[in-house]
PDB file of all heavy atoms in Angstrom:
ATOM      1  N   THR A   1      -8.561  -4.650 -17.780  1.00  0.00           N
ATOM      2  CA  THR A   1      -7.894  -5.923 -17.480  1.00  0.00           C
ATOM      3  C   THR A   1      -6.419  -5.711 -17.146  1.00  0.00           C
ATOM      4  O   THR A   1      -5.880  -6.355 -16.238  1.00  0.00           O
ATOM      5  CB  THR A   1      -8.032  -6.879 -18.677  1.00  0.00           C
ATOM      6  OG1 THR A   1      -7.546  -6.244 -19.864  1.00  0.00           O
ATOM      7  CG2 THR A   1      -9.483  -7.279 -18.883  1.00  0.00           C
ATOM      8  N   ALA A   2      -5.769  -4.807 -17.872  1.00  0.00           N
ATOM      9  CA  ALA A   2      -4.357  -4.541 -17.582  1.00  0.00           C
ATOM     10  C   ALA A   2      -4.189  -3.875 -16.222  1.00  0.00           C
ATOM     11  O   ALA A   2      -3.297  -4.238 -15.438  1.00  0.00           O
ATOM     12  CB  ALA A   2      -3.758  -3.663 -18.684  1.00  0.00           C
ATOM     13  N   ALA A   3      -5.052  -2.903 -15.924  1.00  0.00           N
ATOM     14  CA  ALA A   3      -4.977  -2.217 -14.622  1.00  0.00           C
ATOM     15  C   ALA A   3      -5.274  -3.178 -13.484  1.00  0.00           C
ATOM     16  O   ALA A   3      -4.638  -3.117 -12.415  1.00  0.00           O
ATOM     17  CB  ALA A   3      -5.952  -1.042 -14.602  1.00  0.00           C
ATOM     18  N   MET A   4      -6.244  -4.084 -13.687  1.00  0.00           N
ATOM     19  CA  MET A   4      -6.575  -5.049 -12.648  1.00  0.00           C
ATOM     20  C   MET A   4      -5.404  -5.997 -12.399  1.00  0.00           C
ATOM     21  O   MET A   4      -5.067  -6.287 -11.241  1.00  0.00           O
ATOM     22  CB  MET A   4      -7.820  -5.852 -13.052  1.00  0.00           C
ATOM     23  CG  MET A   4      -8.220  -6.927 -12.050  1.00  0.00           C
ATOM     24  SD  MET A   4      -9.834  -7.661 -12.428  1.00  0.00           S
ATOM     25  CE  MET A   4      -9.507  -8.365 -14.051  1.00  0.00           C
ATOM     26  N   THR A   5      -4.782  -6.478 -13.462  1.00  0.00           N
ATOM     27  CA  THR A   5      -3.632  -7.373 -13.303  1.00  0.00           C
ATOM     28  C   THR A   5      -2.509  -6.689 -12.541  1.00  0.00           C
ATOM     29  O   THR A   5      -1.919  -7.251 -11.613  1.00  0.00           O
ATOM     30  CB  THR A   5      -3.131  -7.824 -14.680  1.00  0.00           C
ATOM     31  OG1 THR A   5      -4.198  -8.450 -15.397  1.00  0.00           O
ATOM     32  CG2 THR A   5      -1.970  -8.795 -14.548  1.00  0.00           C
ATOM     33  N   ASN A   6      -2.230  -5.451 -12.927  1.00  0.00           N
ATOM     34  CA  ASN A   6      -1.169  -4.693 -12.261  1.00  0.00           C
ATOM     35  C   ASN A   6      -1.507  -4.435 -10.794  1.00  0.00           C
ATOM     36  O   ASN A   6      -0.651  -4.563  -9.908  1.00  0.00           O
ATOM     37  CB  ASN A   6      -0.964  -3.360 -12.987  1.00  0.00           C
ATOM     38  CG  ASN A   6       0.193  -2.566 -12.424  1.00  0.00           C
ATOM     39  OD1 ASN A   6       1.349  -2.898 -12.650  1.00  0.00           O
ATOM     40  ND2 ASN A   6      -0.104  -1.510 -11.684  1.00  0.00           N
ATOM     41  N   ALA A   7      -2.767  -4.089 -10.521  1.00  0.00           N
ATOM     42  CA  ALA A   7      -3.182  -3.782  -9.149  1.00  0.00           C
ATOM     43  C   ALA A   7      -3.130  -5.016  -8.257  1.00  0.00           C
ATOM     44  O   ALA A   7      -2.739  -4.933  -7.088  1.00  0.00           O
ATOM     45  CB  ALA A   7      -4.593  -3.190  -9.157  1.00  0.00           C
ATOM     46  N   ILE A   8      -3.534  -6.172  -8.784  1.00  0.00           N
ATOM     47  CA  ILE A   8      -3.480  -7.404  -7.994  1.00  0.00           C
ATOM     48  C   ILE A   8      -2.036  -7.731  -7.630  1.00  0.00           C
ATOM     49  O   ILE A   8      -1.734  -8.094  -6.481  1.00  0.00           O
ATOM     50  CB  ILE A   8      -4.127  -8.564  -8.771  1.00  0.00           C
ATOM     51  CG1 ILE A   8      -5.641  -8.343  -8.899  1.00  0.00           C
ATOM     52  CG2 ILE A   8      -3.859  -9.898  -8.071  1.00  0.00           C
ATOM     53  CD1 ILE A   8      -6.332  -9.352  -9.781  1.00  0.00           C
ATOM     54  N   GLY A   9      -1.129  -7.595  -8.607  1.00  0.00           N
ATOM     55  CA  GLY A   9       0.276  -7.839  -8.316  1.00  0.00           C
ATOM     56  C   GLY A   9       0.819  -6.886  -7.272  1.00  0.00           C
ATOM     57  O   GLY A   9       1.530  -7.294  -6.331  1.00  0.00           O
ATOM     58  N   ASP A  10       0.490  -5.602  -7.391  1.00  0.00           N
ATOM     59  CA  ASP A  10       0.939  -4.609  -6.410  1.00  0.00           C
ATOM     60  C   ASP A  10       0.350  -4.900  -5.030  1.00  0.00           C
ATOM     61  O   ASP A  10       1.024  -4.749  -4.002  1.00  0.00           O
ATOM     62  CB  ASP A  10       0.518  -3.211  -6.851  1.00  0.00           C
ATOM     63  CG  ASP A  10       1.444  -2.643  -7.912  1.00  0.00           C
ATOM     64  OD1 ASP A  10       2.515  -3.243  -8.147  1.00  0.00           O
ATOM     65  OD2 ASP A  10       1.099  -1.606  -8.501  1.00  0.00           O
ATOM     66  N   TYR A  11      -0.913  -5.294  -5.015  1.00  0.00           N
ATOM     67  CA  TYR A  11      -1.599  -5.564  -3.743  1.00  0.00           C
ATOM     68  C   TYR A  11      -0.903  -6.684  -2.985  1.00  0.00           C
ATOM     69  O   TYR A  11      -0.551  -6.537  -1.807  1.00  0.00           O
ATOM     70  CB  TYR A  11      -3.061  -5.903  -4.042  1.00  0.00           C
ATOM     71  CG  TYR A  11      -3.878  -6.352  -2.850  1.00  0.00           C
ATOM     72  CD1 TYR A  11      -3.615  -5.901  -1.562  1.00  0.00           C
ATOM     73  CD2 TYR A  11      -4.945  -7.236  -3.019  1.00  0.00           C
ATOM     74  CE1 TYR A  11      -4.394  -6.308  -0.485  1.00  0.00           C
ATOM     75  CE2 TYR A  11      -5.723  -7.645  -1.957  1.00  0.00           C
ATOM     76  CZ  TYR A  11      -5.435  -7.187  -0.692  1.00  0.00           C
ATOM     77  OH  TYR A  11      -6.197  -7.593   0.382  1.00  0.00           O
ATOM     78  N   PHE A  12      -0.681  -7.812  -3.641  1.00  0.00           N
ATOM     79  CA  PHE A  12      -0.064  -8.944  -2.954  1.00  0.00           C
ATOM     80  C   PHE A  12       1.407  -8.679  -2.634  1.00  0.00           C
ATOM     81  O   PHE A  12       1.904  -9.127  -1.600  1.00  0.00           O
ATOM     82  CB  PHE A  12      -0.205 -10.208  -3.798  1.00  0.00           C
ATOM     83  CG  PHE A  12      -1.563 -10.837  -3.712  1.00  0.00           C
ATOM     84  CD1 PHE A  12      -2.517 -10.602  -4.698  1.00  0.00           C
ATOM     85  CD2 PHE A  12      -1.905 -11.649  -2.642  1.00  0.00           C
ATOM     86  CE1 PHE A  12      -3.780 -11.172  -4.619  1.00  0.00           C
ATOM     87  CE2 PHE A  12      -3.171 -12.221  -2.550  1.00  0.00           C
ATOM     88  CZ  PHE A  12      -4.107 -11.983  -3.541  1.00  0.00           C
ATOM     89  N   ALA A  13       2.091  -7.954  -3.495  1.00  0.00           N
ATOM     90  CA  ALA A  13       3.508  -7.685  -3.253  1.00  0.00           C
ATOM     91  C   ALA A  13       3.724  -6.732  -2.085  1.00  0.00           C
ATOM     92  O   ALA A  13       4.757  -6.795  -1.406  1.00  0.00           O
ATOM     93  CB  ALA A  13       4.149  -7.118  -4.514  1.00  0.00           C
ATOM     94  N   ASN A  14       2.762  -5.856  -1.816  1.00  0.00           N
ATOM     95  CA  ASN A  14       2.933  -4.820  -0.796  1.00  0.00           C
ATOM     96  C   ASN A  14       1.948  -4.944   0.361  1.00  0.00           C
ATOM     97  O   ASN A  14       1.807  -4.006   1.149  1.00  0.00           O
ATOM     98  CB  ASN A  14       2.776  -3.435  -1.430  1.00  0.00           C
ATOM     99  CG  ASN A  14       3.822  -3.144  -2.479  1.00  0.00           C
ATOM    100  OD1 ASN A  14       4.932  -2.744  -2.177  1.00  0.00           O
ATOM    101  ND2 ASN A  14       3.459  -3.350  -3.749  1.00  0.00           N
ATOM    102  N   MET A  15       1.271  -6.088   0.468  1.00  0.00           N
ATOM    103  CA  MET A  15       0.213  -6.214   1.457  1.00  0.00           C
ATOM    104  C   MET A  15       0.709  -5.986   2.889  1.00  0.00           C
ATOM    105  O   MET A  15       0.104  -5.227   3.659  1.00  0.00           O
ATOM    106  CB  MET A  15      -0.455  -7.592   1.366  1.00  0.00           C
ATOM    107  CG  MET A  15      -1.632  -7.762   2.320  1.00  0.00           C
ATOM    108  SD  MET A  15      -2.330  -9.423   2.311  1.00  0.00           S
ATOM    109  CE  MET A  15      -2.824  -9.580   0.597  1.00  0.00           C
ATOM    110  N   MET A  16       1.802  -6.619   3.281  1.00  0.00           N
ATOM    111  CA  MET A  16       2.274  -6.484   4.656  1.00  0.00           C
ATOM    112  C   MET A  16       2.722  -5.059   4.947  1.00  0.00           C
ATOM    113  O   MET A  16       2.444  -4.509   6.016  1.00  0.00           O
ATOM    114  CB  MET A  16       3.426  -7.462   4.909  1.00  0.00           C
ATOM    115  CG  MET A  16       3.888  -7.462   6.367  1.00  0.00           C
ATOM    116  SD  MET A  16       2.522  -7.765   7.550  1.00  0.00           S
ATOM    117  CE  MET A  16       2.108  -9.467   7.118  1.00  0.00           C
ATOM    118  N   GLY A  17       3.415  -4.447   3.996  1.00  0.00           N
ATOM    119  CA  GLY A  17       3.849  -3.075   4.208  1.00  0.00           C
ATOM    120  C   GLY A  17       2.680  -2.118   4.362  1.00  0.00           C
ATOM    121  O   GLY A  17       2.698  -1.237   5.229  1.00  0.00           O
ATOM    122  N   MET A  18       1.644  -2.278   3.541  1.00  0.00           N
ATOM    123  CA  MET A  18       0.465  -1.420   3.657  1.00  0.00           C
ATOM    124  C   MET A  18      -0.312  -1.701   4.929  1.00  0.00           C
ATOM    125  O   MET A  18      -0.960  -0.802   5.477  1.00  0.00           O
ATOM    126  CB  MET A  18      -0.437  -1.630   2.433  1.00  0.00           C
ATOM    127  CG  MET A  18       0.156  -1.135   1.129  1.00  0.00           C
ATOM    128  SD  MET A  18      -1.007  -1.207  -0.263  1.00  0.00           S
ATOM    129  CE  MET A  18      -1.221  -2.981  -0.452  1.00  0.00           C
ATOM    130  N   SER A  19      -0.240  -2.938   5.427  1.00  0.00           N
ATOM    131  CA  SER A  19      -1.022  -3.316   6.602  1.00  0.00           C
ATOM    132  C   SER A  19      -0.560  -2.607   7.854  1.00  0.00           C
ATOM    133  O   SER A  19      -1.371  -2.311   8.738  1.00  0.00           O
ATOM    134  CB  SER A  19      -0.946  -4.835   6.818  1.00  0.00           C
ATOM    135  OG  SER A  19      -1.474  -5.539   5.719  1.00  0.00           O
ATOM    136  N   LEU A  20       0.714  -2.348   7.969  1.00  0.00           N
ATOM    137  CA  LEU A  20       1.267  -1.816   9.223  1.00  0.00           C
ATOM    138  C   LEU A  20       2.002  -0.494   9.033  1.00  0.00           C
ATOM    139  O   LEU A  20       2.856  -0.139   9.830  1.00  0.00           O
ATOM    140  CB  LEU A  20       2.213  -2.851   9.851  1.00  0.00           C
ATOM    141  CG  LEU A  20       1.597  -4.214  10.177  1.00  0.00           C
ATOM    142  CD1 LEU A  20       2.654  -5.162  10.720  1.00  0.00           C
ATOM    143  CD2 LEU A  20       0.462  -4.056  11.186  1.00  0.00           C
ATOM    144  N   VAL A  21       1.661   0.251   8.005  1.00  0.00           N
ATOM    145  CA  VAL A  21       2.356   1.514   7.753  1.00  0.00           C
ATOM    146  C   VAL A  21       1.722   2.645   8.563  1.00  0.00           C
ATOM    147  O   VAL A  21       0.504   2.741   8.689  1.00  0.00           O
ATOM    148  CB  VAL A  21       2.333   1.859   6.248  1.00  0.00           C
ATOM    149  CG1 VAL A  21       0.917   2.146   5.774  1.00  0.00           C
ATOM    150  CG2 VAL A  21       3.238   3.041   5.960  1.00  0.00           C
ATOM    151  N   MET A  22       2.562   3.474   9.181  1.00  0.00           N
ATOM    152  CA  MET A  22       2.136   4.702   9.848  1.00  0.00           C
ATOM    153  C   MET A  22       3.154   5.787   9.515  1.00  0.00           C
ATOM    154  O   MET A  22       4.176   5.526   8.864  1.00  0.00           O
ATOM    155  CB  MET A  22       1.996   4.496  11.356  1.00  0.00           C
ATOM    156  CG  MET A  22       0.898   3.525  11.748  1.00  0.00           C
ATOM    157  SD  MET A  22       0.392   3.656  13.481  1.00  0.00           S
ATOM    158  CE  MET A  22      -0.579   5.175  13.443  1.00  0.00           C
ATOM    159  N   THR A  23       2.877   7.011   9.958  1.00  0.00           N
ATOM    160  CA  THR A  23       3.735   8.143   9.569  1.00  0.00           C
ATOM    161  C   THR A  23       4.226   8.915  10.792  1.00  0.00           C
ATOM    162  O   THR A  23       3.911  10.095  10.958  1.00  0.00           O
ATOM    163  CB  THR A  23       2.960   9.083   8.636  1.00  0.00           C
ATOM    164  OG1 THR A  23       1.736   9.472   9.291  1.00  0.00           O
ATOM    165  CG2 THR A  23       2.646   8.405   7.318  1.00  0.00           C
ATOM    166  N   PRO A  24       5.003   8.276  11.680  1.00  0.00           N
ATOM    167  CA  PRO A  24       5.474   8.986  12.877  1.00  0.00           C
ATOM    168  C   PRO A  24       6.513  10.055  12.569  1.00  0.00           C
ATOM    169  O   PRO A  24       6.720  10.964  13.371  1.00  0.00           O
ATOM    170  CB  PRO A  24       6.075   7.862  13.724  1.00  0.00           C
ATOM    171  CG  PRO A  24       6.506   6.830  12.728  1.00  0.00           C
ATOM    172  CD  PRO A  24       5.486   6.884  11.634  1.00  0.00           C
ATOM    173  N   TYR A  25       7.191   9.970  11.413  1.00  0.00           N
ATOM    174  CA  TYR A  25       8.285  10.895  11.114  1.00  0.00           C
ATOM    175  C   TYR A  25       7.825  12.152  10.380  1.00  0.00           C
ATOM    176  O   TYR A  25       8.552  13.142  10.333  1.00  0.00           O
ATOM    177  CB  TYR A  25       9.355  10.177  10.275  1.00  0.00           C
ATOM    178  CG  TYR A  25       9.809   8.873  10.897  1.00  0.00           C
ATOM    179  CD1 TYR A  25       9.515   7.651  10.305  1.00  0.00           C
ATOM    180  CD2 TYR A  25      10.512   8.864  12.110  1.00  0.00           C
ATOM    181  CE1 TYR A  25       9.908   6.455  10.881  1.00  0.00           C
ATOM    182  CE2 TYR A  25      10.907   7.671  12.694  1.00  0.00           C
ATOM    183  CZ  TYR A  25      10.603   6.480  12.076  1.00  0.00           C
ATOM    184  OH  TYR A  25      10.989   5.292  12.650  1.00  0.00           O
ATOM    185  N   THR A  26       6.635  12.075   9.775  1.00  0.00           N
ATOM    186  CA  THR A  26       6.155  13.229   9.016  1.00  0.00           C
ATOM    187  C   THR A  26       4.909  13.867   9.604  1.00  0.00           C
ATOM    188  O   THR A  26       4.607  15.021   9.295  1.00  0.00           O
ATOM    189  CB  THR A  26       5.851  12.815   7.561  1.00  0.00           C
ATOM    190  OG1 THR A  26       4.792  11.842   7.561  1.00  0.00           O
ATOM    191  CG2 THR A  26       7.085  12.218   6.899  1.00  0.00           C
ATOM    192  N   GLY A  27       4.166  13.114  10.428  1.00  0.00           N
ATOM    193  CA  GLY A  27       2.929  13.653  10.978  1.00  0.00           C
ATOM    194  C   GLY A  27       1.778  13.674   9.993  1.00  0.00           C
ATOM    195  O   GLY A  27       0.730  14.292  10.257  1.00  0.00           O
ATOM    196  N   ASP A  28       1.923  13.018   8.858  1.00  0.00           N
ATOM    197  CA  ASP A  28       0.861  12.946   7.852  1.00  0.00           C
ATOM    198  C   ASP A  28      -0.330  12.176   8.437  1.00  0.00           C
ATOM    199  O   ASP A  28      -0.169  11.156   9.101  1.00  0.00           O
ATOM    200  CB  ASP A  28       1.393  12.235   6.610  1.00  0.00           C
ATOM    201  CG  ASP A  28       0.445  12.373   5.427  1.00  0.00           C
ATOM    202  OD1 ASP A  28      -0.738  12.701   5.642  1.00  0.00           O
ATOM    203  OD2 ASP A  28       0.894  12.156   4.282  1.00  0.00           O
ATOM    204  N   ASP A  29      -1.545  12.677   8.188  1.00  0.00           N
ATOM    205  CA  ASP A  29      -2.740  12.025   8.730  1.00  0.00           C
ATOM    206  C   ASP A  29      -3.452  11.166   7.689  1.00  0.00           C
ATOM    207  O   ASP A  29      -4.631  10.838   7.853  1.00  0.00           O
ATOM    208  CB  ASP A  29      -3.717  13.069   9.283  1.00  0.00           C
ATOM    209  CG  ASP A  29      -4.266  13.986   8.193  1.00  0.00           C
ATOM    210  OD1 ASP A  29      -3.690  14.012   7.088  1.00  0.00           O
ATOM    211  OD2 ASP A  29      -5.263  14.677   8.453  1.00  0.00           O
ATOM    212  N   TRP A  30      -2.751  10.786   6.602  1.00  0.00           N
ATOM    213  CA  TRP A  30      -3.403  10.005   5.548  1.00  0.00           C
ATOM    214  C   TRP A  30      -3.918   8.672   6.075  1.00  0.00           C
ATOM    215  O   TRP A  30      -5.022   8.245   5.729  1.00  0.00           O
ATOM    216  CB  TRP A  30      -2.422   9.763   4.396  1.00  0.00           C
ATOM    217  CG  TRP A  30      -3.070   9.167   3.185  1.00  0.00           C
ATOM    218  CD1 TRP A  30      -3.608   9.838   2.138  1.00  0.00           C
ATOM    219  CD2 TRP A  30      -3.272   7.773   2.918  1.00  0.00           C
ATOM    220  NE1 TRP A  30      -4.132   8.961   1.231  1.00  0.00           N
ATOM    221  CE2 TRP A  30      -3.946   7.674   1.676  1.00  0.00           C
ATOM    222  CE3 TRP A  30      -2.949   6.606   3.594  1.00  0.00           C
ATOM    223  CZ2 TRP A  30      -4.295   6.462   1.119  1.00  0.00           C
ATOM    224  CZ3 TRP A  30      -3.310   5.387   3.036  1.00  0.00           C
ATOM    225  CH2 TRP A  30      -3.972   5.323   1.810  1.00  0.00           C
ATOM    226  N   VAL A  31      -3.145   7.968   6.897  1.00  0.00           N
ATOM    227  CA  VAL A  31      -3.560   6.670   7.424  1.00  0.00           C
ATOM    228  C   VAL A  31      -4.841   6.809   8.233  1.00  0.00           C
ATOM    229  O   VAL A  31      -5.757   5.973   8.141  1.00  0.00           O
ATOM    230  CB  VAL A  31      -2.442   6.044   8.283  1.00  0.00           C
ATOM    231  CG1 VAL A  31      -2.918   4.753   8.930  1.00  0.00           C
ATOM    232  CG2 VAL A  31      -1.209   5.781   7.437  1.00  0.00           C
TER     233      VAL A  31
END
């Protein structure tokens, strides 16, 4: 329950940033 609460808060707080993040400066292929 604690992890879920924390994850929901992180999800909504960072949704836009995660939606459009890419790595042109490092070449990382994680995305």
